[in-house]
Amino acid sequence: MLCSMTGFGQGEAKGEGKIVKVEIRTLNSRFLDIVVKLPRPYLALEERVRKEIKNRLARGRVDVFISISEENPENQPISVDKGRAIAYYSALKELAQILAIPEDITAYQILSLPDVLVINEPQWSEEALWPVVREALEKALEKLMSMRLSEGARLQQDLEERVQTLKRYVEAICQRAPLVPQEYALRLRERIAGLAGEGVYLDPGRLEAEVAFLAERCDIQEEITRLRSHLEELDQNLKERGPVGRRAEFILQEMFREINTLGAKASDLEISRWVIAFKTELEKIREQVQNVE
C-alpha cells in the first residue's frame, strides 16, 4: 500500500516527574529532511529522536516539536537574582530622583522585570528520561503513519485508475498507427491524380517508394512497446510495499520521453490528440506521485 508524505501525529507520556508532548508534521520532500525542536536544556536528546524517526520514515520534510514540562510545577525551584534586583531598584530610585517623581517602588514591580525571577531547571538523566520521550514519540509516529497510510490508500486508488486510462490511450494510438501511411498514400494519390489532368506523369514505383519511406519514418511500434512496458512496471511499482515514490518518478520520466518521441514521429492529427491527452494525464500522475513516500 502506498504511503503519503503528508500527515500529522501527536503523543504524550509522563514519567521521571516530567510531561512530554510530541507533535510531528510531515510534508512533501524529495529526501528525508528532519527538523527537531526541543527545549534548550534537553537538546542532548535530539540525535536519539532523529534516529527513531529514520527507522520509520524514508522521505519527506519532518517537523518535530517536543515540549517537556514538570509534572508538579509547584515543586520546581525558583530563586531571585538578588544582585539584579538591587541593581534594578537603584536604577529606578535614581530615575525617580532625576524626574522628581515619587519613589513608590514595590517588590512586585521589581520581580516583574526581566531575569529577576530565575526558574532553576531540575537535574535530569538522559538515560532515565529517554524512555518517556520515546513513548510520546512512538504515539505521535503511530498516529502520523495512520494518517499517511489512509491518504496513501486514496492516492493509490486514484493512480491505479489513471494508469488504466493511460493504457487505453496507448491502445487507441496503437490501433490508429497502421492507418497513417495508408491515409498518406491515399492523399498522395489524390493529389497526383488531380495534377495528372495537367500532363503530370504518375510513376507508380516512385509513389510506392514514397509511401514506404513515410511508413518507416512514422513507425511508432517501438515507442508503443516501451510505453506498454513502462505502464506495467508503474502498475507493479505502485502495488509494492515500502517506499516507491522515487522509482515511480523515474518511470514517469521515461514515459514522458517515449510519448514525446512518439508524437514527433507519428505526424498524424488524431494521434497527436491522443498524445496530448496522454501527456495531460501523465502530468496529473506526476503531481500525485510527488506526494508518495
Protein backbone atom coordinates (compact mmCIF):
# COMPACT_ATOMS: atom_id res chain seq x y z
CA MET A 1 0.00 0.00 0.00
CA LEU A 2 1.21 3.49 -0.83
CA CYS A 3 2.18 5.88 1.94
CA SER A 4 1.61 9.61 1.59
CA MET A 5 4.30 12.04 2.72
CA THR A 6 1.83 14.44 4.36
CA GLY A 7 0.44 13.81 7.82
CA PHE A 8 0.22 14.82 11.45
CA GLY A 9 0.54 12.97 14.75
CA GLN A 10 0.82 13.82 18.41
CA GLY A 11 1.61 11.88 21.56
CA GLU A 12 2.06 12.41 25.29
CA ALA A 13 3.78 10.48 28.06
CA LYS A 14 4.57 11.00 31.74
CA GLY A 15 7.48 9.81 33.80
CA GLU A 16 10.52 10.90 35.79
CA GLY A 17 8.42 13.80 37.08
CA LYS A 18 8.01 15.15 33.52
CA ILE A 19 5.21 15.58 31.00
CA VAL A 20 6.47 15.06 27.44
CA LYS A 21 4.36 16.15 24.46
CA VAL A 22 5.35 15.44 20.86
CA GLU A 23 3.85 16.80 17.64
CA ILE A 24 5.01 15.66 14.20
CA ARG A 25 4.07 17.26 10.89
CA THR A 26 5.28 15.90 7.56
CA LEU A 27 5.22 17.42 4.08
CA ASN A 28 6.46 16.56 0.60
CA SER A 29 10.21 16.50 0.09
CA ARG A 30 12.50 14.70 -2.30
CA PHE A 31 14.63 13.41 0.57
CA LEU A 32 14.21 12.80 4.30
CA ASP A 33 14.61 16.19 5.99
CA ILE A 34 14.15 16.12 9.79
CA VAL A 35 13.90 19.27 11.91
CA VAL A 36 13.66 18.68 15.69
CA LYS A 37 12.73 21.46 18.10
CA LEU A 38 13.47 20.68 21.76
CA PRO A 39 13.67 22.89 24.87
CA ARG A 40 17.25 24.10 25.24
CA PRO A 41 18.06 22.06 28.40
CA TYR A 42 17.12 18.83 26.59
CA LEU A 43 18.99 19.24 23.28
CA ALA A 44 21.07 16.14 24.09
CA LEU A 45 18.00 14.06 23.15
CA GLU A 46 17.86 15.32 19.56
CA GLU A 47 20.05 12.64 17.97
CA ARG A 48 18.02 9.85 19.56
CA VAL A 49 14.81 11.42 18.26
CA ARG A 50 16.28 11.64 14.75
CA LYS A 51 17.37 8.02 14.79
CA GLU A 52 13.91 6.86 15.88
CA ILE A 53 12.27 8.80 13.03
CA LYS A 54 14.74 7.49 10.43
CA ASN A 55 13.74 3.96 11.42
CA ARG A 56 10.11 4.74 10.48
CA LEU A 57 10.18 7.25 7.61
CA ALA A 58 12.01 7.24 4.29
CA ARG A 59 11.06 10.54 2.59
CA GLY A 60 9.50 13.89 3.43
CA ARG A 61 10.03 17.06 5.38
CA VAL A 62 9.55 16.13 9.06
CA ASP A 63 8.99 18.84 11.68
CA VAL A 64 9.11 17.54 15.26
CA PHE A 65 8.03 19.73 18.18
CA ILE A 66 8.77 18.40 21.67
CA SER A 67 7.81 20.12 24.92
CA ILE A 68 8.99 18.87 28.31
CA SER A 69 7.42 20.32 31.45
CA GLU A 70 7.30 19.47 35.14
CA GLU A 71 4.54 17.14 36.22
CA ASN A 72 4.34 19.06 39.52
CA PRO A 73 5.36 22.63 38.65
CA GLU A 74 4.80 23.76 42.24
CA ASN A 75 7.89 21.77 43.18
CA GLN A 76 10.05 23.48 40.58
CA PRO A 77 12.74 25.50 42.38
CA ILE A 78 12.53 29.27 41.83
CA SER A 79 15.05 31.79 43.13
CA VAL A 80 15.57 35.54 43.00
CA ASP A 81 18.63 37.09 41.41
CA LYS A 82 19.26 39.44 44.33
CA GLY A 83 22.10 41.35 42.67
CA ARG A 84 19.97 42.06 39.58
CA ALA A 85 17.01 43.08 41.78
CA ILE A 86 19.16 45.53 43.75
CA ALA A 87 20.55 46.95 40.51
CA TYR A 88 17.04 47.47 39.17
CA TYR A 89 15.96 49.12 42.44
CA SER A 90 18.92 51.51 42.41
CA ALA A 91 18.31 52.46 38.79
CA LEU A 92 14.60 53.06 39.40
CA LYS A 93 15.33 55.14 42.53
CA GLU A 94 17.88 57.26 40.65
CA LEU A 95 15.44 57.79 37.78
CA ALA A 96 12.71 58.88 40.22
CA GLN A 97 15.05 61.48 41.72
CA ILE A 98 16.06 62.81 38.32
CA LEU A 99 12.43 63.12 37.22
CA ALA A 100 11.32 64.40 40.63
CA ILE A 101 8.60 61.78 40.96
CA PRO A 102 7.60 59.63 43.98
CA GLU A 103 9.81 56.63 44.73
CA ASP A 104 6.91 54.23 45.33
CA ILE A 105 8.74 51.15 44.06
CA THR A 106 7.29 47.79 45.12
CA ALA A 107 8.88 44.36 45.28
CA TYR A 108 6.25 43.09 42.81
CA GLN A 109 7.35 45.69 40.26
CA ILE A 110 10.96 44.61 40.60
CA LEU A 111 10.07 40.92 40.37
CA SER A 112 8.24 41.56 37.09
CA LEU A 113 11.41 42.93 35.48
CA PRO A 114 13.42 40.63 33.17
CA ASP A 115 15.55 37.87 34.71
CA VAL A 116 14.89 38.81 38.34
CA LEU A 117 12.98 35.57 38.95
CA VAL A 118 15.11 32.57 38.00
CA ILE A 119 13.48 29.19 37.32
CA ASN A 120 16.12 26.59 38.07
CA GLU A 121 15.91 23.57 35.81
CA PRO A 122 15.88 20.44 37.94
CA GLN A 123 18.56 17.82 37.42
CA TRP A 124 17.66 15.08 34.93
CA SER A 125 19.22 11.97 33.45
CA GLU A 126 19.21 11.41 29.70
CA GLU A 127 19.07 7.63 30.13
CA ALA A 128 16.15 7.89 32.56
CA LEU A 129 14.15 10.46 30.56
CA TRP A 130 14.64 8.96 27.10
CA PRO A 131 12.10 6.11 27.57
CA VAL A 132 9.45 8.73 28.41
CA VAL A 133 10.32 10.81 25.35
CA ARG A 134 10.39 7.69 23.16
CA GLU A 135 6.94 6.65 24.38
CA ALA A 136 5.45 10.04 23.44
CA LEU A 137 7.34 9.96 20.15
CA GLU A 138 6.06 6.47 19.29
CA LYS A 139 2.47 7.52 19.97
CA ALA A 140 2.90 10.51 17.66
CA LEU A 141 4.51 8.35 14.96
CA GLU A 142 1.71 5.79 15.13
CA LYS A 143 -0.92 8.48 14.54
CA LEU A 144 1.21 10.03 11.83
CA MET A 145 1.62 6.72 10.00
CA SER A 146 -2.10 6.00 10.27
CA MET A 147 -2.88 9.31 8.56
CA ARG A 148 -0.17 8.83 5.92
CA LEU A 149 -1.39 5.32 5.08
CA SER A 150 -5.01 6.48 4.89
CA GLU A 151 -4.06 9.23 2.47
CA GLY A 152 -1.82 6.76 0.62
CA ALA A 153 -4.78 4.42 0.05
CA ARG A 154 -6.71 7.24 -1.62
CA LEU A 155 -3.67 8.12 -3.72
CA GLN A 156 -3.23 4.51 -4.80
CA GLN A 157 -6.82 4.20 -5.98
CA ASP A 158 -6.56 7.42 -7.96
CA LEU A 159 -3.20 6.47 -9.50
CA GLU A 160 -4.33 2.98 -10.50
CA GLU A 161 -7.35 4.44 -12.29
CA ARG A 162 -5.14 6.94 -14.12
CA VAL A 163 -2.71 4.20 -15.18
CA GLN A 164 -5.63 2.29 -16.71
CA THR A 165 -6.61 5.46 -18.57
CA LEU A 166 -3.08 5.71 -19.98
CA LYS A 167 -3.25 2.10 -21.13
CA ARG A 168 -6.44 2.88 -23.05
CA TYR A 169 -4.76 5.85 -24.71
CA VAL A 170 -1.82 3.68 -25.81
CA GLU A 171 -4.17 1.09 -27.31
CA ALA A 172 -6.06 3.82 -29.18
CA ILE A 173 -2.75 5.08 -30.61
CA CYS A 174 -1.74 1.53 -31.50
CA GLN A 175 -4.96 0.96 -33.46
CA ARG A 176 -4.55 4.24 -35.28
CA ALA A 177 -0.84 3.84 -36.17
CA PRO A 178 -1.19 1.38 -39.14
CA LEU A 179 -3.71 3.67 -40.84
CA VAL A 180 -1.34 6.64 -41.01
CA PRO A 181 0.75 5.50 -44.03
CA GLN A 182 -2.40 4.20 -45.79
CA GLU A 183 -4.16 7.55 -45.47
CA TYR A 184 -0.99 9.34 -46.53
CA ALA A 185 -0.79 7.16 -49.66
CA LEU A 186 -4.44 7.88 -50.44
CA ARG A 187 -3.97 11.64 -50.12
CA LEU A 188 -0.82 11.48 -52.21
CA ARG A 189 -2.60 9.54 -54.99
CA GLU A 190 -5.50 12.01 -54.95
CA ARG A 191 -3.15 14.98 -55.27
CA ILE A 192 -1.20 13.37 -58.11
CA ALA A 193 -4.43 12.33 -59.84
CA GLY A 194 -5.61 15.91 -59.64
CA LEU A 195 -2.42 17.06 -61.29
CA ALA A 196 -2.44 14.28 -63.89
CA GLY A 197 -5.01 16.14 -65.97
CA GLU A 198 -2.39 18.82 -66.47
CA GLY A 199 0.01 16.36 -68.10
CA VAL A 200 1.81 15.14 -64.95
CA TYR A 201 3.21 11.63 -65.27
CA LEU A 202 2.41 9.27 -62.37
CA ASP A 203 5.28 6.89 -61.62
CA PRO A 204 3.74 4.01 -59.59
CA GLY A 205 7.14 2.87 -58.39
CA ARG A 206 8.05 6.32 -57.09
CA LEU A 207 4.67 6.57 -55.35
CA GLU A 208 5.12 3.27 -53.56
CA ALA A 209 8.66 4.22 -52.57
CA GLU A 210 7.36 7.49 -51.05
CA VAL A 211 4.68 5.63 -49.12
CA ALA A 212 7.22 3.06 -47.88
CA PHE A 213 9.55 5.86 -46.77
CA LEU A 214 6.76 7.53 -44.77
CA ALA A 215 5.71 4.22 -43.23
CA GLU A 216 9.26 3.64 -42.00
CA ARG A 217 9.68 7.22 -40.72
CA CYS A 218 6.42 7.23 -38.75
CA ASP A 219 6.74 3.70 -37.38
CA ILE A 220 5.94 4.09 -33.65
CA GLN A 221 5.68 0.44 -32.67
CA GLU A 222 8.92 0.60 -30.69
CA GLU A 223 7.64 3.54 -28.64
CA ILE A 224 4.29 1.83 -28.09
CA THR A 225 6.05 -1.32 -26.86
CA ARG A 226 8.14 0.70 -24.42
CA LEU A 227 5.12 2.64 -23.16
CA ARG A 228 3.27 -0.61 -22.51
CA SER A 229 6.29 -1.93 -20.63
CA HIS A 230 6.63 1.25 -18.54
CA LEU A 231 2.91 1.22 -17.70
CA GLU A 232 3.10 -2.36 -16.48
CA GLU A 233 6.21 -1.52 -14.47
CA LEU A 234 4.49 1.52 -12.93
CA ASP A 235 1.40 -0.54 -12.14
CA GLN A 236 3.51 -3.15 -10.32
CA ASN A 237 5.60 -0.49 -8.58
CA LEU A 238 2.51 1.15 -7.09
CA LYS A 239 1.45 -2.19 -5.59
CA GLU A 240 4.76 -2.88 -3.85
CA ARG A 241 5.32 -2.39 -0.13
CA GLY A 242 7.68 0.23 1.18
CA PRO A 243 8.88 3.50 -0.39
CA VAL A 244 8.08 3.54 -4.12
CA GLY A 245 7.89 7.25 -4.93
CA ARG A 246 11.39 7.75 -6.33
CA ARG A 247 11.19 4.77 -8.68
CA ALA A 248 7.74 5.87 -9.84
CA GLU A 249 9.13 9.32 -10.66
CA PHE A 250 11.91 7.73 -12.73
CA ILE A 251 9.40 5.58 -14.67
CA LEU A 252 7.28 8.66 -15.38
CA GLN A 253 10.32 10.50 -16.76
CA GLU A 254 10.92 7.62 -19.17
CA MET A 255 7.28 7.67 -20.24
CA PHE A 256 7.41 11.40 -20.95
CA ARG A 257 10.45 10.78 -23.16
CA GLU A 258 8.73 7.99 -25.10
CA ILE A 259 5.43 9.83 -25.65
CA ASN A 260 7.29 12.93 -26.89
CA THR A 261 9.24 10.81 -29.39
CA LEU A 262 6.03 9.06 -30.47
CA GLY A 263 4.22 12.34 -31.03
CA ALA A 264 7.07 13.73 -33.12
CA LYS A 265 7.26 10.62 -35.34
CA ALA A 266 3.56 9.98 -35.88
CA SER A 267 2.73 13.15 -37.91
CA ASP A 268 -0.98 12.44 -37.57
CA LEU A 269 -3.66 14.77 -36.22
CA GLU A 270 -5.68 12.08 -34.44
CA ILE A 271 -2.61 10.50 -32.84
CA SER A 272 -1.49 13.99 -31.79
CA ARG A 273 -4.77 14.39 -29.92
CA TRP A 274 -4.20 11.11 -28.11
CA VAL A 275 -0.63 12.15 -27.31
CA ILE A 276 -1.86 15.42 -25.75
CA ALA A 277 -4.44 13.54 -23.69
CA PHE A 278 -1.77 11.04 -22.60
CA LYS A 279 0.67 13.78 -21.54
CA THR A 280 -2.06 15.65 -19.65
CA GLU A 281 -2.93 12.54 -17.67
CA LEU A 282 0.73 11.72 -17.16
CA GLU A 283 1.33 15.17 -15.66
CA LYS A 284 -1.53 14.60 -13.20
CA ILE A 285 0.06 11.31 -12.18
CA ARG A 286 3.42 13.00 -11.67
CA GLU A 287 1.81 15.59 -9.39
CA GLN A 288 0.26 12.80 -7.30
CA VAL A 289 3.42 10.71 -7.18
CA GLN A 290 5.34 13.66 -5.75
CA ASN A 291 3.30 13.09 -2.56
CA VAL A 292 4.16 9.39 -2.34
CA GLU A 293 6.89 8.22 0.03
